[in-house]
Amino acid sequence: LGAAAGRLRGSFFVGRRIPGKFLEMEGVGNAVQKKTADLEHMAEVLITGEQLRLRLHEEKVIKDRRYHLRTYPNCFVAKELIDWLLDHKDAAERDMAIKLMQKLLDHSVIHHVCDEHKEFKDAKLFYRFRKDDGTFPLDSEVKVFTRGQRIYEKLMSTENCLMQTREEEGVKYQRAFVATEFIDWLIQEGEVAIRSECEQLSCRLLEHGIIQHVANKHHFVDGNLLYQFRMNFRRRRRLVELLNENVPLVPDSHESPFCLRKQNSDTPNTSFLSVSPTKEIKIVSAVRRCSMSSSCGSSGYYSSSPTPNNSPPVLSNPKSVLKRSITAEELVAPGAPYMKKTLTIVGDAVGWGFVVRGNKPCHIQAVDPSGPAAAAGMKVRQFVISVNGLNVLHVDYRTVSNLILTGQRTIVMEIMEEIHF
């Protein structure tokens, strides 16, 4: 009886410990998810800060300044920057601009030139981006992020067939890569020397929210499972996104080489903004051309982010913005209700800011309202006639995209726009 009681007691205590173990594992899982979310937010802050830094350099807001016989290189005046943010619609009011810049300061993206102020103040104080003075803290987390960005850019900027439409468990995924092929490519590119190091690096990229299993079911393993880049480093960020910490990261489609920003991830098809500037021809000076290469797949946009219920990604094919199909002959026919315009667009840090679609002729499907193309006068439903002097009336949008991506930072496009009488 005593032995039996002991066994019963042991069974009882074991039974009591199991739920606790489940709770402990669940707590660990929640902690991992929170850490991943924090890392993703940090990455978004760094990308947003870098895009702002490039813009401010181009606009000469960042420059050498003197105060009390001392020169402070590559800095900006806080008060002037807030004015600039308001003028460029990056903030609705001064308090919001202060909060946005404080977010960059809290993440060590910027700092006071003498480190005397831990708060961003609406005053004539000098601040500087740490990347401009070499004081940016490269901790282990940031190093993973910067390495992931370098791998992403290298992969996007080279001719390869690593990322393509692939199938897993009966579901097709665009821009997916096989784990073992990804590791082969990393070794070939000299990122790592041996496969075990590759697998460790890939695991860290996944844990930092840079890549993910296509259905968000597996960690990274060296095998035949499919993975995708979850983070789009080239997407043009809005500063106001810095204040949305609790909004889960929803990556934009990588399929477009021009990386449009979406207005609302829950809005289907109409989520892309379009603009109608009043100026017909305008030369836009932007930051610099992004080193993009086109690897457009199908005609649809694709979201690779996992939904809250962990369902697999879905395809979303936006309907054409054209009211009816137009042939190349109709566009150039004498008396046709179309007017030719010439747009000169200088790409910035994340591209040119538009999406081209269609075939013989191509048309403008969407325009980023804050991008270089919009400022140059580009609008949706315009038809592309030539790119940098080459007639493209009788080619598809992939060819047009390739012409742009393999050309210079500045592109000159002839377009046809319908005349409304």
Foldseek 3Di string as FASTA:
>chain_A
DVVVVVVVVVVVVVVVCVVVVVVVVVVVVVVLVVVLLVLLLLLVLLLQLVQVLLFCVLVVQFAWDDDPNDIDGGKHFLQVVLVVCCVLVLDVDSVLVQVLVLLCLVSQQKAFSVNPDSGRDNGRGIMHGCVVVVNRDCDPSNVLSVVLVVVVQVVQQDDDDQFAWDDDPRDIDGGKGFLQVVLVVCCVVVVDPDSVVVQVSQQSCVSNQQKAFQLNPDGRDNDGGIMHGQADSLANDRSSVSVPSVDGDWHWFPQFLQHADFQDPVDALVRFDWDADPDQADADDARAAAQGAHPHHDQWGWTRDADPVSGGTDIGRHDAPDPDDDALCLQPPPPRQKDKGKYKFAFYHRHAFWGWFDFLWIWTRGGHCSGRCVVRRDGGGKTWQDKQPHGRNGGGRNVVRRVVNPDGRMIMTMIMDGHDD
